[in-house]
N, C-alpha and C. Protein backbone atom coordinates (compact mmCIF):
# COMPACT_ATOMS: atom_id res chain seq x y z
N UNK A 1 132.20 121.97 113.83
CA UNK A 1 131.13 121.53 114.26
C UNK A 1 132.09 120.52 115.62
N UNK A 2 131.53 120.38 116.67
CA UNK A 2 132.07 119.97 118.31
C UNK A 2 131.06 118.25 117.71
N UNK A 3 131.96 117.33 118.99
CA UNK A 3 131.25 116.34 118.14
C UNK A 3 131.43 115.78 119.73
N UNK A 4 131.80 116.13 121.11
CA UNK A 4 131.95 115.93 122.58
C UNK A 4 131.10 115.43 122.74
N UNK A 5 129.69 115.72 122.24
CA UNK A 5 128.53 115.88 123.21
C UNK A 5 127.73 114.38 122.87
N UNK A 6 128.73 113.98 121.44
CA UNK A 6 127.82 113.05 120.61
C UNK A 6 128.69 111.73 121.66
N UNK A 7 129.74 111.44 121.91
CA UNK A 7 130.72 110.85 122.22
C UNK A 7 129.49 110.97 123.72
N UNK A 8 129.38 111.63 124.51
CA UNK A 8 129.03 111.44 125.60
C UNK A 8 127.73 110.95 125.58
N UNK A 9 126.47 111.19 124.53
CA UNK A 9 125.53 110.53 124.38
C UNK A 9 125.61 108.46 124.57
N UNK A 10 126.66 108.72 123.33
CA UNK A 10 127.00 107.03 123.30
C UNK A 10 127.17 106.70 124.60
N UNK A 11 128.13 107.53 125.41
CA UNK A 11 128.04 106.39 126.98
C UNK A 11 126.88 106.64 127.91
N UNK A 12 126.63 107.57 127.82
CA UNK A 12 124.61 107.15 128.01
C UNK A 12 124.15 106.15 127.80
N UNK A 13 124.30 106.10 126.64
CA UNK A 13 123.02 104.52 126.42
C UNK A 13 124.25 103.60 126.99
N UNK A 14 125.01 103.51 126.28
CA UNK A 14 126.10 102.38 127.10
C UNK A 14 126.44 101.92 128.09
N UNK A 15 126.02 103.35 129.07
CA UNK A 15 125.71 102.92 130.66
C UNK A 15 124.31 102.63 131.47
N UNK A 16 123.29 103.57 130.57
CA UNK A 16 121.73 102.61 130.73
C UNK A 16 121.89 101.39 130.41
N UNK A 17 122.36 100.50 129.27
CA UNK A 17 121.98 98.91 129.13
C UNK A 17 123.37 98.26 129.61
N UNK A 18 123.98 99.07 130.65
CA UNK A 18 124.93 98.06 131.56
C UNK A 18 124.13 96.95 132.76
N UNK A 19 125.60 96.29 133.04
CA UNK A 19 124.57 95.33 134.25
C UNK A 19 123.93 96.03 134.74
N UNK A 20 124.13 97.54 135.80
CA UNK A 20 123.70 98.29 136.06
C UNK A 20 123.47 99.46 136.06
N UNK A 21 122.73 99.05 134.85
CA UNK A 21 122.47 100.49 133.82
C UNK A 21 120.92 100.37 134.68
N UNK A 22 119.88 100.93 133.63
CA UNK A 22 118.24 101.34 133.86
C UNK A 22 117.80 99.67 132.50
N UNK A 23 117.08 99.38 133.79
CA UNK A 23 116.09 97.58 133.51
C UNK A 23 115.01 97.91 132.56
N UNK A 24 114.66 99.02 131.85
CA UNK A 24 114.05 99.43 130.56
C UNK A 24 115.19 99.37 129.65
N UNK A 25 116.22 99.88 129.98
CA UNK A 25 116.67 100.09 128.50
C UNK A 25 117.60 98.79 128.42
N UNK A 26 117.80 98.18 129.44
CA UNK A 26 118.33 97.29 129.12
C UNK A 26 118.11 95.71 128.24
N UNK A 27 116.53 95.93 128.36
CA UNK A 27 115.57 94.76 128.09
C UNK A 27 114.75 95.14 126.45
N UNK A 28 115.57 96.51 125.81
CA UNK A 28 115.09 97.17 124.47
C UNK A 28 115.64 96.21 123.44
N UNK A 29 115.10 95.55 122.46
CA UNK A 29 115.27 95.15 121.43
C UNK A 29 115.47 96.48 120.18
N UNK A 30 116.08 96.30 119.00
CA UNK A 30 115.87 97.04 117.87
C UNK A 30 113.51 96.68 117.44
N UNK A 31 113.61 95.69 117.70
CA UNK A 31 112.44 94.96 117.70
C UNK A 31 111.15 96.58 118.63
N UNK A 32 111.80 96.21 120.03
CA UNK A 32 110.79 96.57 120.72
C UNK A 32 111.14 98.39 120.74
N UNK A 33 112.08 98.81 119.95
CA UNK A 33 112.36 100.39 119.70
C UNK A 33 111.64 100.93 118.91
N UNK A 34 111.43 99.62 118.06
CA UNK A 34 110.69 100.09 116.61
C UNK A 34 109.84 101.24 116.38
N UNK A 35 108.48 101.09 116.87
CA UNK A 35 107.85 102.05 117.63
C UNK A 35 108.19 103.26 117.78
N UNK A 36 108.71 103.20 118.43
CA UNK A 36 108.81 104.81 119.26
C UNK A 36 109.93 105.71 118.06
N UNK A 37 110.89 104.86 117.58
CA UNK A 37 112.05 105.09 116.39
C UNK A 37 110.93 105.92 115.22
N UNK A 38 109.86 105.43 114.77
CA UNK A 38 108.25 105.78 114.04
C UNK A 38 107.54 107.03 114.40
N UNK A 39 107.59 106.94 116.18
CA UNK A 39 106.50 108.56 116.59
C UNK A 39 107.99 109.36 116.24
N UNK A 40 109.08 108.94 117.14
CA UNK A 40 109.76 110.49 116.92
C UNK A 40 110.13 110.40 115.48
N UNK A 41 110.42 109.59 114.44
CA UNK A 41 110.69 110.09 113.01
C UNK A 41 109.10 110.59 112.89
N UNK A 42 108.11 110.78 112.87
CA UNK A 42 106.61 111.66 112.54
C UNK A 42 107.36 113.04 113.43
N UNK A 43 107.50 112.80 114.93
CA UNK A 43 107.33 113.71 115.67
C UNK A 43 108.74 115.11 115.21
N UNK A 44 109.89 114.60 114.69
CA UNK A 44 110.40 115.71 113.70
C UNK A 44 109.60 115.95 112.42
N UNK A 45 109.18 115.27 111.73
CA UNK A 45 108.03 115.83 110.54
C UNK A 45 107.11 116.81 110.97
N UNK A 46 106.95 117.02 112.27
CA UNK A 46 105.94 117.81 113.10
C UNK A 46 106.56 118.72 112.80
N UNK A 47 107.79 119.01 113.94
CA UNK A 47 108.56 120.24 113.81
C UNK A 47 108.69 121.14 113.11
N UNK A 48 109.36 119.99 111.64
CA UNK A 48 109.53 120.65 110.40
C UNK A 48 108.44 121.59 109.58
N UNK A 49 107.49 120.92 109.92
CA UNK A 49 105.89 121.12 109.03
C UNK A 49 105.53 122.68 109.43
N UNK A 50 105.55 122.50 111.11
CA UNK A 50 105.06 123.72 112.34
C UNK A 50 106.05 124.97 112.20
N UNK A 51 107.52 124.92 111.67
CA UNK A 51 108.59 125.39 111.84
C UNK A 51 109.10 126.08 112.50
N UNK A 52 108.79 124.53 113.52
CA UNK A 52 109.22 125.35 115.33
C UNK A 52 110.84 124.60 115.45
N UNK A 53 111.70 125.72 115.42
CA UNK A 53 113.48 125.43 115.72
C UNK A 53 113.48 124.46 116.99
N UNK A 54 112.64 125.13 118.29
CA UNK A 54 112.97 124.66 119.15
C UNK A 54 112.86 123.32 119.18
N UNK A 55 111.20 122.82 118.80
CA UNK A 55 111.09 121.80 119.19
C UNK A 55 112.10 120.25 118.01
N UNK A 56 112.24 121.39 116.84
CA UNK A 56 113.31 120.70 116.19
C UNK A 56 114.03 120.15 116.49
N UNK A 57 114.60 121.16 116.91
CA UNK A 57 116.26 120.43 117.88
C UNK A 57 115.98 119.92 118.88
N UNK A 58 114.32 119.05 119.59
CA UNK A 58 114.13 118.56 120.84
C UNK A 58 114.02 117.26 120.68
N UNK A 59 113.31 117.84 118.98
CA UNK A 59 112.90 115.95 118.08
C UNK A 59 114.28 115.25 117.52
N UNK A 60 114.65 116.06 116.77
CA UNK A 60 115.91 115.49 116.58
C UNK A 60 116.82 114.14 117.52
N UNK A 61 117.18 115.28 118.21
CA UNK A 61 117.41 114.64 119.52
C UNK A 61 117.20 113.10 119.83
N UNK A 62 116.18 113.42 119.52
CA UNK A 62 115.18 112.40 120.53
C UNK A 62 115.30 111.00 119.58
N UNK A 63 115.42 111.58 117.80
CA UNK A 63 115.43 110.85 117.23
C UNK A 63 116.64 110.11 116.70
N UNK A 64 118.29 111.69 117.19
CA UNK A 64 119.06 110.46 117.23
C UNK A 64 119.28 109.47 118.73
N UNK A 65 118.83 110.04 119.42
CA UNK A 65 118.74 108.98 120.19
C UNK A 65 118.64 107.83 119.97
N UNK A 66 117.53 107.24 119.44
CA UNK A 66 117.35 105.79 119.00
C UNK A 66 118.18 105.23 117.38
N UNK A 67 118.44 106.44 116.84
CA UNK A 67 119.08 105.96 116.03
C UNK A 67 120.86 104.76 116.91
N UNK A 68 121.48 106.28 118.31
CA UNK A 68 122.50 105.72 118.66
C UNK A 68 122.25 104.18 119.43
N UNK A 69 120.55 104.21 119.58
CA UNK A 69 120.53 103.35 120.39
C UNK A 69 120.33 101.72 119.96
N UNK A 70 120.24 102.34 118.34
CA UNK A 70 120.06 100.77 117.73
C UNK A 70 121.36 100.02 117.70
N UNK A 71 122.35 101.19 117.28
CA UNK A 71 124.23 101.51 117.08
C UNK A 71 124.24 100.35 118.31
N UNK A 72 123.94 101.37 119.38
CA UNK A 72 124.65 100.50 121.23
C UNK A 72 124.59 99.00 120.33
N UNK A 73 122.98 98.37 120.83
CA UNK A 73 123.04 97.21 120.13
C UNK A 73 123.29 96.33 119.65
N UNK A 74 123.59 96.76 118.18
CA UNK A 74 124.30 96.14 117.47
C UNK A 74 125.78 96.14 117.95
N UNK A 75 126.73 96.86 118.33
CA UNK A 75 127.70 96.26 118.56
C UNK A 75 127.85 95.48 119.74
N UNK A 76 126.56 95.49 120.64
CA UNK A 76 126.03 94.53 121.87
C UNK A 76 127.10 93.61 120.83
N UNK A 77 126.09 93.47 119.81
CA UNK A 77 125.75 91.73 119.59
C UNK A 77 126.89 91.63 118.70
N UNK A 78 128.22 92.19 118.19
CA UNK A 78 129.17 92.26 117.51
C UNK A 78 128.76 92.18 116.22
N UNK A 79 127.82 93.23 115.79
CA UNK A 79 126.76 93.22 114.12
C UNK A 79 128.06 94.20 113.29
N UNK A 80 127.77 95.61 113.62
CA UNK A 80 128.29 96.63 113.51
C UNK A 80 128.64 97.45 114.52
N UNK A 81 129.13 98.47 114.20
CA UNK A 81 129.58 100.15 115.00
C UNK A 81 128.69 101.03 113.71
N UNK A 82 128.59 101.77 115.19
CA UNK A 82 128.43 103.26 114.75
C UNK A 82 129.36 103.98 113.50
N UNK A 83 130.44 104.11 113.87
CA UNK A 83 131.73 104.08 112.68
C UNK A 83 131.05 103.08 111.61
N UNK A 84 131.01 102.31 111.78
CA UNK A 84 130.17 101.01 110.20
C UNK A 84 129.24 102.26 109.72
N UNK A 85 128.04 102.70 110.40
CA UNK A 85 127.20 103.33 109.93
C UNK A 85 126.92 105.14 108.67
N UNK A 86 127.90 105.18 110.40
CA UNK A 86 128.95 106.40 109.48
C UNK A 86 129.96 106.62 108.03
N UNK A 87 130.71 105.56 107.71
CA UNK A 87 131.85 105.28 107.39
C UNK A 87 130.47 104.79 106.22
N UNK A 88 129.19 103.90 106.03
CA UNK A 88 128.88 103.19 104.83
C UNK A 88 128.09 105.06 104.29
N UNK A 89 127.39 105.73 104.83
CA UNK A 89 126.40 106.56 104.50
C UNK A 89 127.30 107.52 103.76
N UNK A 90 128.51 107.66 104.15
CA UNK A 90 129.85 108.50 103.43
C UNK A 90 129.93 107.65 102.21
N UNK A 91 130.33 106.75 101.95
CA UNK A 91 130.53 105.99 101.04
C UNK A 91 129.10 106.32 99.98
N UNK A 92 127.86 106.25 100.17
CA UNK A 92 126.93 106.38 99.32
C UNK A 92 126.96 107.50 99.42
N UNK A 93 127.04 108.88 99.84
CA UNK A 93 127.04 110.25 99.47
C UNK A 93 128.48 110.16 98.21
N UNK A 94 129.09 110.00 98.95
CA UNK A 94 130.45 109.96 97.63
C UNK A 94 130.34 109.97 96.17
N UNK A 95 130.13 107.81 96.31
CA UNK A 95 129.64 107.58 95.01
C UNK A 95 128.45 108.09 94.55
N UNK A 96 127.35 108.42 95.19
CA UNK A 96 126.57 109.07 94.03
C UNK A 96 126.71 110.41 93.82
N UNK A 97 127.23 110.71 94.29
CA UNK A 97 127.64 112.36 93.79
C UNK A 97 129.38 112.37 93.03
N UNK A 98 129.64 111.69 92.53
CA UNK A 98 131.03 111.54 91.44
C UNK A 98 131.47 112.87 91.46
N UNK A 99 130.24 113.87 90.47
CA UNK A 99 130.85 115.16 90.46
C UNK A 99 131.43 115.91 90.88
N UNK A 100 131.15 115.99 92.42
CA UNK A 100 131.69 116.51 93.54
C UNK A 100 133.00 116.16 94.11
N UNK A 101 133.13 114.18 94.10
CA UNK A 101 133.81 114.29 95.40
C UNK A 101 135.07 113.01 94.40
N UNK A 102 134.54 113.30 93.22
CA UNK A 102 135.67 112.42 92.10
C UNK A 102 136.28 112.64 91.50
N UNK A 103 137.77 113.38 91.73
CA UNK A 103 138.80 114.13 90.99
C UNK A 103 138.55 114.21 89.73
N UNK A 104 139.14 112.54 89.46
CA UNK A 104 138.93 112.15 88.28
C UNK A 104 136.95 111.86 87.58
N UNK A 105 135.95 112.23 87.77
CA UNK A 105 134.76 111.84 86.99
C UNK A 105 134.69 113.26 85.52
N UNK A 106 134.51 112.02 85.09
CA UNK A 106 134.53 112.28 83.78
C UNK A 106 133.51 112.42 82.70
N UNK A 107 132.56 111.97 83.99
CA UNK A 107 130.82 111.97 83.54
C UNK A 107 129.74 113.08 83.16
N UNK A 108 128.56 112.93 83.42
CA UNK A 108 127.56 114.14 82.53
C UNK A 108 128.10 115.11 83.74
N UNK A 109 127.73 116.26 83.52
CA UNK A 109 127.05 117.30 84.22
C UNK A 109 126.26 117.78 85.10
N UNK A 110 126.47 117.77 86.14
CA UNK A 110 125.47 117.13 87.48
C UNK A 110 124.04 117.89 87.32
N UNK A 111 124.43 119.16 86.74
CA UNK A 111 122.65 119.78 86.68
C UNK A 111 121.92 118.88 85.75
N UNK A 112 122.29 117.79 84.54
CA UNK A 112 122.03 116.58 83.75
C UNK A 112 121.27 115.68 84.45
N UNK A 113 121.61 115.52 85.59
CA UNK A 113 121.66 114.16 85.94
C UNK A 113 120.22 114.21 86.63
N UNK A 114 119.74 113.02 86.09
CA UNK A 114 118.14 113.23 85.88
C UNK A 114 117.90 111.53 86.33
N UNK A 115 118.22 111.37 86.46
CA UNK A 115 118.04 109.50 86.70
C UNK A 115 118.67 108.54 87.50
N UNK A 116 118.75 109.32 88.95
CA UNK A 116 119.18 109.01 90.45
C UNK A 116 117.94 107.45 90.62
N UNK A 117 116.80 107.70 90.54
CA UNK A 117 116.24 106.08 91.04
C UNK A 117 116.52 105.03 89.64
N UNK A 118 117.38 105.30 88.67
CA UNK A 118 118.22 104.82 87.20
C UNK A 118 119.53 104.25 88.00
N UNK A 119 119.94 104.63 88.27
CA UNK A 119 121.24 105.10 89.09
C UNK A 119 121.32 103.87 90.64
N UNK A 120 120.54 104.30 92.03
CA UNK A 120 120.31 103.69 92.47
C UNK A 120 119.51 102.01 92.32
N UNK A 121 118.92 101.94 90.48
CA UNK A 121 118.31 100.18 90.55
C UNK A 121 119.12 99.80 89.77
N UNK A 122 120.19 100.24 89.68
CA UNK A 122 121.75 99.55 88.85
C UNK A 122 122.72 99.12 90.47
N UNK A 123 122.98 100.63 91.22
CA UNK A 123 123.75 100.42 92.11
C UNK A 123 123.36 99.23 93.09
N UNK A 124 121.91 99.62 93.13
CA UNK A 124 121.26 98.20 94.28
C UNK A 124 120.82 96.86 93.52
N UNK A 125 121.03 96.31 92.30
CA UNK A 125 120.51 95.27 91.44
C UNK A 125 119.77 95.09 91.72
N UNK A 126 118.62 96.38 92.01
CA UNK A 126 116.56 96.31 91.46
C UNK A 126 116.76 95.99 90.45
N UNK A 127 115.07 95.07 90.36
CA UNK A 127 114.37 94.39 89.09
C UNK A 127 113.91 95.41 89.16
N UNK A 128 113.44 96.74 89.76
CA UNK A 128 112.33 97.33 89.15
C UNK A 128 112.78 99.02 90.07
N UNK A 129 112.40 100.13 89.32
CA UNK A 129 112.89 101.71 90.02
C UNK A 129 112.19 101.14 91.59
N UNK A 130 110.72 100.73 91.49
CA UNK A 130 109.43 100.76 92.58
C UNK A 130 110.28 99.93 93.69
N UNK A 131 111.24 99.50 93.53
CA UNK A 131 111.56 98.58 94.33
C UNK A 131 112.53 99.41 95.88
N UNK A 132 112.44 98.48 96.92
CA UNK A 132 113.28 99.83 98.04
C UNK A 132 112.41 100.89 99.08
N UNK A 133 110.85 100.95 98.41
CA UNK A 133 110.07 101.74 99.56
C UNK A 133 109.53 100.40 100.78
N UNK A 134 110.87 100.92 101.46
CA UNK A 134 109.65 100.17 102.83
C UNK A 134 108.50 99.83 103.54
N UNK A 135 107.82 98.87 103.17
CA UNK A 135 106.82 97.83 103.16
C UNK A 135 105.99 98.88 104.38
N UNK A 136 106.54 99.03 105.72
CA UNK A 136 105.92 99.42 106.74
C UNK A 136 105.28 100.92 106.87
N UNK A 137 106.27 101.34 105.62
CA UNK A 137 105.17 103.32 105.50
C UNK A 137 103.83 103.09 105.52
N UNK A 138 103.74 103.56 105.84
CA UNK A 138 101.73 104.44 105.85
C UNK A 138 101.53 104.07 104.31
N UNK A 139 100.51 103.78 103.97
CA UNK A 139 100.09 103.40 102.57
C UNK A 139 99.99 104.41 101.53
N UNK A 140 99.79 106.01 101.92
CA UNK A 140 100.29 107.30 101.94
C UNK A 140 100.68 107.13 100.93
N UNK A 141 101.45 107.30 102.14
CA UNK A 141 103.17 107.36 101.59
C UNK A 141 103.75 107.13 100.63
N UNK A 142 103.23 105.32 100.71
CA UNK A 142 104.07 104.64 99.66
C UNK A 142 103.64 104.98 98.68
N UNK A 143 102.36 105.06 97.87
CA UNK A 143 101.54 105.44 97.00
C UNK A 143 102.62 107.23 96.23
N UNK A 144 102.74 107.81 97.40
CA UNK A 144 103.61 109.18 97.10
C UNK A 144 104.87 108.76 96.06
N UNK A 145 105.42 108.35 97.40
CA UNK A 145 106.89 107.19 97.29
C UNK A 145 107.24 106.95 95.16
N UNK A 146 106.30 105.84 95.74
CA UNK A 146 105.70 105.71 94.18
C UNK A 146 105.32 106.85 93.16
N UNK A 147 104.89 107.29 92.93
CA UNK A 147 104.68 108.41 92.29
C UNK A 147 106.16 109.13 92.14
N UNK A 148 106.72 109.60 93.18
CA UNK A 148 107.86 110.29 93.01
C UNK A 148 108.82 109.49 92.25
N UNK A 149 108.84 107.99 91.90
CA UNK A 149 109.66 107.32 91.85
C UNK A 149 109.60 107.10 90.01
N UNK A 150 108.45 106.91 89.83
CA UNK A 150 108.04 107.02 88.22
C UNK A 150 108.57 108.01 87.79
N UNK A 151 107.56 109.44 88.47
CA UNK A 151 107.74 110.26 88.01
C UNK A 151 109.15 110.72 87.67
N UNK A 152 110.74 110.66 88.35
CA UNK A 152 111.54 111.17 88.74
C UNK A 152 112.41 109.87 86.85
N UNK A 153 111.86 108.81 86.42
CA UNK A 153 112.07 108.38 84.95
C UNK A 153 110.64 108.51 83.68
N UNK A 154 110.01 109.90 84.10
CA UNK A 154 108.98 110.31 82.83
C UNK A 154 107.59 110.35 83.22
N UNK A 155 107.64 109.08 84.33
CA UNK A 155 106.46 109.15 84.14
C UNK A 155 105.14 110.37 84.86
N UNK A 156 105.10 110.64 84.59
CA UNK A 156 104.42 111.82 85.63
C UNK A 156 103.77 112.61 84.28
N UNK A 157 102.28 113.35 84.35
CA UNK A 157 101.51 114.01 83.73
C UNK A 157 101.00 115.22 84.18
N UNK A 158 100.67 115.94 83.80
CA UNK A 158 99.98 116.57 84.20
C UNK A 158 98.02 117.03 84.21
N UNK A 159 98.00 116.03 83.62
CA UNK A 159 96.28 115.76 83.48
C UNK A 159 95.60 114.28 83.22
N UNK A 160 95.22 113.59 83.16
CA UNK A 160 94.74 112.45 82.97
C UNK A 160 94.33 112.04 81.45
N UNK A 161 93.88 112.71 81.03
CA UNK A 161 93.89 113.14 79.49
C UNK A 161 95.97 112.41 78.66
N UNK A 162 96.89 112.82 79.22
CA UNK A 162 97.88 113.07 79.11
C UNK A 162 98.40 111.11 79.53
N UNK A 163 97.96 111.13 80.85
CA UNK A 163 98.39 109.46 81.66
C UNK A 163 97.92 108.45 80.31
N UNK A 164 96.33 108.76 79.50
CA UNK A 164 95.68 107.50 78.47
C UNK A 164 96.55 107.76 77.50
N UNK A 165 96.97 108.68 76.77
CA UNK A 165 97.97 108.98 76.21
C UNK A 165 99.32 107.90 76.02
N UNK A 166 99.67 108.12 76.92
CA UNK A 166 100.67 107.60 77.43
C UNK A 166 100.37 105.64 77.22
N UNK A 167 99.31 105.34 78.71
CA UNK A 167 98.63 103.45 78.17
C UNK A 167 98.97 103.54 76.99
N UNK A 168 97.68 104.42 76.10
CA UNK A 168 97.79 104.07 74.43
C UNK A 168 98.71 104.06 74.34
N UNK A 169 99.87 104.83 74.34
CA UNK A 169 101.43 104.61 73.33
C UNK A 169 101.84 102.93 73.80
N UNK A 170 101.78 102.62 75.19
CA UNK A 170 102.37 101.46 76.13
C UNK A 170 101.50 100.86 75.27
N UNK A 171 100.58 100.70 75.05
CA UNK A 171 99.28 99.64 74.52
C UNK A 171 100.36 99.08 73.95
N UNK A 172 99.87 100.07 72.52
CA UNK A 172 100.77 100.07 71.21
C UNK A 172 101.69 99.23 71.35
N UNK A 173 102.66 99.30 71.83
CA UNK A 173 104.09 99.35 72.01
C UNK A 173 103.94 97.79 72.13
N UNK A 174 103.33 97.16 73.29
CA UNK A 174 103.03 95.89 73.31
C UNK A 174 102.43 95.02 71.77
N UNK A 175 101.65 95.09 71.48
CA UNK A 175 100.16 95.00 70.59
C UNK A 175 101.72 95.11 69.48
N UNK A 176 102.18 95.55 69.42
CA UNK A 176 103.53 95.97 68.06
C UNK A 176 104.37 94.35 68.56
N UNK A 177 104.68 94.54 69.38
CA UNK A 177 105.79 93.50 69.86
C UNK A 177 105.02 92.02 70.32
N UNK A 178 103.66 91.69 70.19
CA UNK A 178 103.61 90.26 70.09
C UNK A 178 103.59 89.96 68.79
N UNK A 179 102.89 90.81 67.96
CA UNK A 179 102.90 90.95 66.31
C UNK A 179 104.11 90.17 65.92
N UNK A 180 105.14 90.84 66.31
CA UNK A 180 106.91 91.04 65.40
C UNK A 180 106.72 89.09 65.74
N UNK A 181 106.74 89.06 67.45
CA UNK A 181 106.64 87.78 68.34
C UNK A 181 105.95 86.73 67.45
N UNK A 182 104.62 87.08 66.85
CA UNK A 182 103.90 85.57 66.13
C UNK A 182 104.19 85.46 65.08
N UNK A 183 104.93 86.42 63.93
CA UNK A 183 105.25 86.83 63.18
C UNK A 183 106.19 85.98 62.97
N UNK A 184 107.31 85.80 64.07
CA UNK A 184 108.39 84.85 64.19
C UNK A 184 107.91 83.55 64.55
N UNK A 185 107.23 83.28 64.74
CA UNK A 185 107.03 81.72 65.47
C UNK A 185 106.32 81.39 63.91
N UNK A 186 105.45 81.75 63.31
CA UNK A 186 104.85 81.77 61.97
C UNK A 186 105.45 80.97 61.34
N UNK A 187 106.47 82.22 61.09
CA UNK A 187 107.48 81.65 59.86
C UNK A 187 108.73 79.94 59.70
N UNK A 188 108.46 80.12 61.81
CA UNK A 188 109.52 78.91 61.97
C UNK A 188 108.66 77.44 62.13
N UNK A 189 107.34 77.72 61.81
CA UNK A 189 106.69 77.16 61.33
C UNK A 189 106.57 76.36 60.41
């Protein structure tokens, strides 16, 4: 892979935002660019779903521009650099795939690891596996992400009857826990 063109893209965005740059580009903020970022993301998805390679190449370029734009603005504000973004994602990927990148790894075989969501919950110190779904996603996608997350830890059924059996099972566990708690309370009296 060659990356000279990536450096050129970064330089173009820096030039456009410089004192002598484009007025529109100079006044942009992370917030003002957000609608465009979302639109470009959906255009990438459309190109993928349409199986349109040429359009995908163009739309990925537009999306990359927005990533670079955000990174340049962050750099101007002394918040972080593009290299920090890349280092973070490299670290995340290697830590989440120790079987491939940690030579001393002695854990579970990668084909048997099923608890990605549980691992993320632990890593990010989240209260629930449902945490981490962006609030700005469209409602249907939020619903799908919740379904994906719960399905990844065993809460997925082929039909409503199976789901209701699970609800009954959980309700019985709750009732039993309440009974045990009440017995303890009554014994203390």
